[in-house]
N, C-alpha and C. Protein backbone atom coordinates (compact mmCIF):
# COMPACT_ATOMS: atom_id res chain seq x y z
N MET A 1 -57.17 -67.91 -13.50
CA MET A 1 -57.75 -66.89 -12.69
C MET A 1 -56.94 -66.69 -11.37
N ARG A 2 -56.38 -67.74 -10.87
CA ARG A 2 -55.61 -67.63 -9.63
C ARG A 2 -54.41 -66.72 -9.81
N SER A 3 -53.77 -66.69 -10.96
CA SER A 3 -52.55 -65.90 -11.13
C SER A 3 -52.89 -64.41 -11.10
N SER A 4 -54.10 -64.02 -11.43
CA SER A 4 -54.49 -62.61 -11.39
C SER A 4 -54.89 -62.11 -10.01
N GLU A 5 -55.27 -63.03 -9.10
CA GLU A 5 -55.68 -62.62 -7.78
C GLU A 5 -54.51 -61.97 -7.03
N PRO A 6 -53.31 -62.41 -7.01
CA PRO A 6 -52.21 -61.72 -6.32
C PRO A 6 -51.98 -60.35 -6.96
N LEU A 7 -52.08 -60.24 -8.28
CA LEU A 7 -51.93 -58.89 -8.91
C LEU A 7 -53.04 -57.90 -8.46
N SER A 8 -54.24 -58.39 -8.42
CA SER A 8 -55.31 -57.47 -8.04
C SER A 8 -55.13 -57.09 -6.56
N GLU A 9 -54.69 -58.01 -5.73
CA GLU A 9 -54.39 -57.67 -4.32
C GLU A 9 -53.27 -56.65 -4.22
N THR A 10 -52.25 -56.81 -5.06
CA THR A 10 -51.13 -55.87 -5.11
C THR A 10 -51.65 -54.48 -5.54
N ALA A 11 -52.49 -54.50 -6.56
CA ALA A 11 -53.04 -53.20 -7.08
C ALA A 11 -53.87 -52.55 -5.98
N ARG A 12 -54.66 -53.28 -5.27
CA ARG A 12 -55.47 -52.73 -4.19
C ARG A 12 -54.58 -52.18 -3.09
N GLY A 13 -53.45 -52.90 -2.80
CA GLY A 13 -52.55 -52.47 -1.79
C GLY A 13 -51.89 -51.14 -2.22
N ILE A 14 -51.47 -51.05 -3.48
CA ILE A 14 -50.84 -49.84 -3.98
C ILE A 14 -51.82 -48.67 -3.94
N GLU A 15 -53.08 -48.92 -4.33
CA GLU A 15 -54.09 -47.89 -4.30
C GLU A 15 -54.33 -47.38 -2.89
N GLU A 16 -54.39 -48.31 -1.92
CA GLU A 16 -54.57 -47.94 -0.56
C GLU A 16 -53.41 -47.13 -0.05
N ALA A 17 -52.21 -47.49 -0.41
CA ALA A 17 -50.97 -46.77 0.00
C ALA A 17 -51.05 -45.35 -0.60
N ARG A 18 -51.52 -45.23 -1.83
CA ARG A 18 -51.62 -43.90 -2.43
C ARG A 18 -52.64 -43.00 -1.72
N ARG A 19 -53.76 -43.59 -1.29
CA ARG A 19 -54.76 -42.88 -0.56
C ARG A 19 -54.19 -42.42 0.77
N ILE A 20 -53.42 -43.28 1.44
CA ILE A 20 -52.85 -42.94 2.74
C ILE A 20 -51.83 -41.78 2.58
N LEU A 21 -50.98 -41.93 1.59
CA LEU A 21 -49.98 -40.87 1.33
C LEU A 21 -50.63 -39.54 1.00
N ALA A 22 -51.70 -39.60 0.15
CA ALA A 22 -52.40 -38.35 -0.17
C ALA A 22 -53.01 -37.70 1.09
N SER A 23 -53.59 -38.51 1.96
CA SER A 23 -54.10 -38.01 3.19
C SER A 23 -53.00 -37.39 4.11
N LEU A 24 -51.89 -38.06 4.19
CA LEU A 24 -50.80 -37.56 4.96
C LEU A 24 -50.27 -36.24 4.42
N GLU A 25 -50.17 -36.18 3.07
CA GLU A 25 -49.70 -34.93 2.42
C GLU A 25 -50.69 -33.80 2.71
N ALA A 26 -51.95 -34.06 2.62
CA ALA A 26 -52.97 -33.03 2.87
C ALA A 26 -52.86 -32.55 4.33
N GLN A 27 -52.68 -33.45 5.27
CA GLN A 27 -52.54 -33.10 6.67
C GLN A 27 -51.30 -32.21 6.87
N ALA A 28 -50.17 -32.61 6.22
CA ALA A 28 -48.96 -31.84 6.39
C ALA A 28 -49.10 -30.46 5.81
N PHE A 29 -49.71 -30.27 4.64
CA PHE A 29 -49.90 -29.00 4.04
C PHE A 29 -50.85 -28.16 4.90
N SER A 30 -51.84 -28.78 5.45
CA SER A 30 -52.74 -28.06 6.36
C SER A 30 -52.06 -27.52 7.52
N GLY A 31 -51.17 -28.33 8.11
CA GLY A 31 -50.41 -27.89 9.28
C GLY A 31 -49.48 -26.72 8.97
N VAL A 32 -48.79 -26.77 7.81
CA VAL A 32 -47.97 -25.70 7.36
C VAL A 32 -48.75 -24.42 7.09
N ALA A 33 -49.89 -24.58 6.46
CA ALA A 33 -50.77 -23.39 6.23
C ALA A 33 -51.23 -22.76 7.55
N ALA A 34 -51.59 -23.59 8.51
CA ALA A 34 -52.01 -23.04 9.76
C ALA A 34 -50.86 -22.33 10.46
N THR A 35 -49.68 -22.84 10.44
CA THR A 35 -48.48 -22.24 11.06
C THR A 35 -48.21 -20.94 10.38
N LEU A 36 -48.24 -20.87 8.98
CA LEU A 36 -48.00 -19.64 8.28
C LEU A 36 -49.06 -18.60 8.62
N ALA A 37 -50.34 -19.01 8.71
CA ALA A 37 -51.39 -18.06 9.09
C ALA A 37 -51.20 -17.43 10.43
N GLU A 38 -50.78 -18.29 11.40
CA GLU A 38 -50.48 -17.79 12.76
C GLU A 38 -49.29 -16.83 12.77
N ALA A 39 -48.26 -17.13 11.97
CA ALA A 39 -47.11 -16.20 11.94
C ALA A 39 -47.47 -14.90 11.27
N ALA A 40 -48.29 -14.95 10.21
CA ALA A 40 -48.73 -13.73 9.52
C ALA A 40 -49.59 -12.86 10.49
N GLU A 41 -50.48 -13.48 11.24
CA GLU A 41 -51.29 -12.73 12.19
C GLU A 41 -50.42 -12.15 13.29
N SER A 42 -49.46 -12.86 13.75
CA SER A 42 -48.54 -12.35 14.78
C SER A 42 -47.75 -11.17 14.31
N LEU A 43 -47.24 -11.24 13.07
CA LEU A 43 -46.52 -10.13 12.48
C LEU A 43 -47.43 -8.89 12.29
N ALA A 44 -48.59 -9.17 11.82
CA ALA A 44 -49.57 -8.06 11.61
C ALA A 44 -49.87 -7.39 12.99
N LYS A 45 -50.06 -8.16 14.01
CA LYS A 45 -50.33 -7.62 15.32
C LYS A 45 -49.15 -6.77 15.82
N THR A 46 -47.94 -7.26 15.64
CA THR A 46 -46.76 -6.58 16.04
C THR A 46 -46.63 -5.24 15.30
N ALA A 47 -46.93 -5.27 14.01
CA ALA A 47 -46.88 -4.03 13.20
C ALA A 47 -47.89 -3.00 13.71
N ARG A 48 -49.14 -3.48 14.00
CA ARG A 48 -50.11 -2.60 14.52
C ARG A 48 -49.71 -1.97 15.84
N GLU A 49 -49.07 -2.79 16.70
CA GLU A 49 -48.61 -2.29 18.02
C GLU A 49 -47.49 -1.28 17.82
N LEU A 50 -46.55 -1.59 16.88
CA LEU A 50 -45.51 -0.62 16.64
C LEU A 50 -46.01 0.75 16.14
N LYS A 51 -46.98 0.63 15.22
CA LYS A 51 -47.58 1.87 14.68
C LYS A 51 -48.29 2.65 15.78
N MET A 52 -48.95 2.00 16.77
CA MET A 52 -49.62 2.69 17.82
C MET A 52 -48.64 3.27 18.84
N ILE A 53 -47.51 2.62 19.06
CA ILE A 53 -46.53 3.14 20.06
C ILE A 53 -45.88 4.39 19.53
N ALA A 54 -45.50 4.46 18.33
CA ALA A 54 -44.82 5.62 17.78
C ALA A 54 -45.29 5.87 16.35
N PRO A 55 -46.51 6.44 16.19
CA PRO A 55 -47.09 6.59 14.83
C PRO A 55 -46.19 7.43 13.92
N ASP A 56 -45.42 8.37 14.40
CA ASP A 56 -44.58 9.21 13.56
C ASP A 56 -43.35 8.45 13.11
N GLU A 57 -43.00 7.39 13.84
CA GLU A 57 -41.80 6.66 13.55
C GLU A 57 -41.96 5.72 12.34
N TRP A 58 -43.19 5.28 12.09
CA TRP A 58 -43.47 4.26 11.07
C TRP A 58 -44.11 4.90 9.79
N MET A 59 -43.55 4.52 8.64
CA MET A 59 -43.95 5.11 7.39
C MET A 59 -44.36 4.05 6.40
N THR A 60 -45.31 4.40 5.57
CA THR A 60 -45.66 3.53 4.42
C THR A 60 -44.62 3.69 3.36
N VAL A 61 -44.76 2.89 2.27
CA VAL A 61 -43.79 3.03 1.17
C VAL A 61 -43.77 4.43 0.63
N GLU A 62 -44.95 5.00 0.45
CA GLU A 62 -45.01 6.38 -0.17
C GLU A 62 -44.42 7.36 0.81
N GLU A 63 -44.67 7.26 2.11
CA GLU A 63 -44.10 8.17 3.10
C GLU A 63 -42.52 8.01 3.13
N ALA A 64 -42.08 6.77 3.06
CA ALA A 64 -40.65 6.52 3.06
C ALA A 64 -39.96 7.12 1.89
N ALA A 65 -40.61 6.97 0.70
CA ALA A 65 -40.07 7.57 -0.53
C ALA A 65 -39.96 9.03 -0.40
N ALA A 66 -40.99 9.70 0.15
CA ALA A 66 -41.01 11.14 0.30
C ALA A 66 -39.98 11.54 1.34
N TYR A 67 -39.86 10.75 2.39
CA TYR A 67 -38.84 11.07 3.46
C TYR A 67 -37.43 11.06 2.85
N LEU A 68 -37.17 10.09 1.92
CA LEU A 68 -35.83 9.96 1.32
C LEU A 68 -35.70 10.85 0.13
N LYS A 69 -36.74 11.69 -0.12
CA LYS A 69 -36.78 12.65 -1.20
C LYS A 69 -36.62 11.90 -2.53
N ARG A 70 -37.44 10.87 -2.67
CA ARG A 70 -37.48 10.06 -3.91
C ARG A 70 -38.93 10.00 -4.30
N THR A 71 -39.12 9.82 -5.59
CA THR A 71 -40.55 9.54 -6.07
C THR A 71 -40.77 8.09 -5.68
N PRO A 72 -42.04 7.73 -5.57
CA PRO A 72 -42.36 6.29 -5.25
C PRO A 72 -41.77 5.39 -6.35
N LYS A 73 -41.70 5.82 -7.59
CA LYS A 73 -41.11 4.97 -8.65
C LYS A 73 -39.57 4.82 -8.43
N ALA A 74 -38.90 5.90 -8.08
CA ALA A 74 -37.45 5.86 -7.82
C ALA A 74 -37.18 4.98 -6.61
N PHE A 75 -38.03 5.12 -5.61
CA PHE A 75 -37.79 4.26 -4.38
C PHE A 75 -38.09 2.80 -4.74
N GLU A 76 -39.00 2.52 -5.63
CA GLU A 76 -39.34 1.19 -6.09
C GLU A 76 -38.15 0.58 -6.81
N LYS A 77 -37.40 1.45 -7.58
CA LYS A 77 -36.24 0.91 -8.29
C LYS A 77 -35.13 0.47 -7.32
N VAL A 78 -35.02 1.25 -6.18
CA VAL A 78 -34.05 0.86 -5.17
C VAL A 78 -34.41 -0.47 -4.57
N VAL A 79 -35.67 -0.61 -4.29
CA VAL A 79 -36.19 -1.86 -3.72
C VAL A 79 -35.98 -3.05 -4.71
N ASN A 80 -36.30 -2.84 -5.99
CA ASN A 80 -36.11 -3.86 -6.97
C ASN A 80 -34.70 -4.18 -7.24
N ALA A 81 -33.76 -3.30 -6.98
CA ALA A 81 -32.33 -3.53 -7.16
C ALA A 81 -31.75 -4.38 -6.02
N GLY A 82 -32.59 -4.69 -5.04
CA GLY A 82 -32.14 -5.50 -3.93
C GLY A 82 -31.53 -4.70 -2.81
N GLU A 83 -31.67 -3.39 -2.81
CA GLU A 83 -31.05 -2.51 -1.86
C GLU A 83 -32.13 -2.08 -0.87
N ILE A 84 -33.11 -2.92 -0.63
CA ILE A 84 -34.21 -2.51 0.22
C ILE A 84 -33.83 -2.35 1.66
N PRO A 85 -34.21 -1.22 2.23
CA PRO A 85 -33.94 -1.02 3.64
C PRO A 85 -34.78 -1.98 4.51
N ARG A 86 -34.41 -2.14 5.74
CA ARG A 86 -35.20 -3.01 6.64
C ARG A 86 -36.66 -2.56 6.66
N HIS A 87 -37.55 -3.49 6.69
CA HIS A 87 -39.00 -3.21 6.60
C HIS A 87 -39.81 -4.25 7.33
N TYR A 88 -41.04 -4.00 7.51
CA TYR A 88 -41.98 -4.89 8.23
C TYR A 88 -43.21 -5.02 7.40
N LEU A 89 -43.63 -6.30 7.18
CA LEU A 89 -44.82 -6.57 6.41
C LEU A 89 -46.04 -6.59 7.30
N THR A 90 -47.14 -5.90 6.92
CA THR A 90 -48.37 -5.89 7.62
C THR A 90 -49.46 -6.35 6.68
N GLU A 91 -50.69 -6.49 7.20
CA GLU A 91 -51.78 -6.88 6.32
C GLU A 91 -52.17 -5.78 5.34
N ARG A 92 -51.72 -4.56 5.63
CA ARG A 92 -52.07 -3.42 4.73
C ARG A 92 -50.86 -2.95 3.92
N GLY A 93 -49.75 -3.58 4.05
CA GLY A 93 -48.64 -3.19 3.18
C GLY A 93 -47.30 -3.27 3.99
N ILE A 94 -46.39 -2.43 3.60
CA ILE A 94 -45.02 -2.47 4.15
C ILE A 94 -44.84 -1.22 4.98
N LEU A 95 -44.17 -1.37 6.16
CA LEU A 95 -43.85 -0.25 7.04
C LEU A 95 -42.37 -0.15 7.16
N PHE A 96 -41.89 1.11 7.18
CA PHE A 96 -40.49 1.39 7.38
C PHE A 96 -40.33 2.22 8.63
N SER A 97 -39.24 2.01 9.34
CA SER A 97 -38.93 2.75 10.56
C SER A 97 -38.08 3.92 10.11
N ARG A 98 -38.43 5.11 10.60
CA ARG A 98 -37.65 6.37 10.25
C ARG A 98 -36.18 6.18 10.70
N LYS A 99 -36.00 5.65 11.92
CA LYS A 99 -34.67 5.40 12.42
C LYS A 99 -33.86 4.49 11.54
N GLU A 100 -34.50 3.36 11.16
CA GLU A 100 -33.77 2.39 10.35
C GLU A 100 -33.53 2.89 8.89
N LEU A 101 -34.42 3.72 8.42
CA LEU A 101 -34.16 4.36 7.13
C LEU A 101 -32.92 5.26 7.21
N ASP A 102 -32.87 6.03 8.27
CA ASP A 102 -31.67 6.89 8.50
C ASP A 102 -30.44 6.08 8.58
N GLU A 103 -30.44 5.00 9.33
CA GLU A 103 -29.27 4.11 9.40
C GLU A 103 -28.91 3.50 8.06
N TRP A 104 -29.91 3.08 7.33
CA TRP A 104 -29.66 2.49 6.04
C TRP A 104 -29.06 3.51 5.10
N LEU A 105 -29.59 4.76 5.14
CA LEU A 105 -29.08 5.82 4.29
C LEU A 105 -27.63 6.14 4.63
N MET A 106 -27.34 6.25 5.88
CA MET A 106 -25.94 6.59 6.36
C MET A 106 -24.97 5.46 5.95
N GLY A 107 -25.44 4.20 5.92
CA GLY A 107 -24.57 3.11 5.63
C GLY A 107 -24.31 2.89 4.17
N ARG A 108 -24.97 3.64 3.31
CA ARG A 108 -24.78 3.49 1.84
C ARG A 108 -23.56 4.24 1.38
């Protein structure tokens, strides 16, 4: 019986270490999730402010496609080909700056 006692103590120690590591992992993921949520909210707030400052300057994907005289599907192909113009993500979608679209178009 005595020879199994150190093994059971080792097993308990390993199990305790696993619990501690799982707890630390959960705390780390929670911290990352909170940081990402704060960043997303900050970006959304910035996008709302930009839209309020110059509402004619900012366009949705559909408006950007129309501005570039493309159908939304054709514009989507450009985006999927990795040629996406500079854009900003908001909680309601993607916004494009008219000025930056013009610069992107001239640079092609």
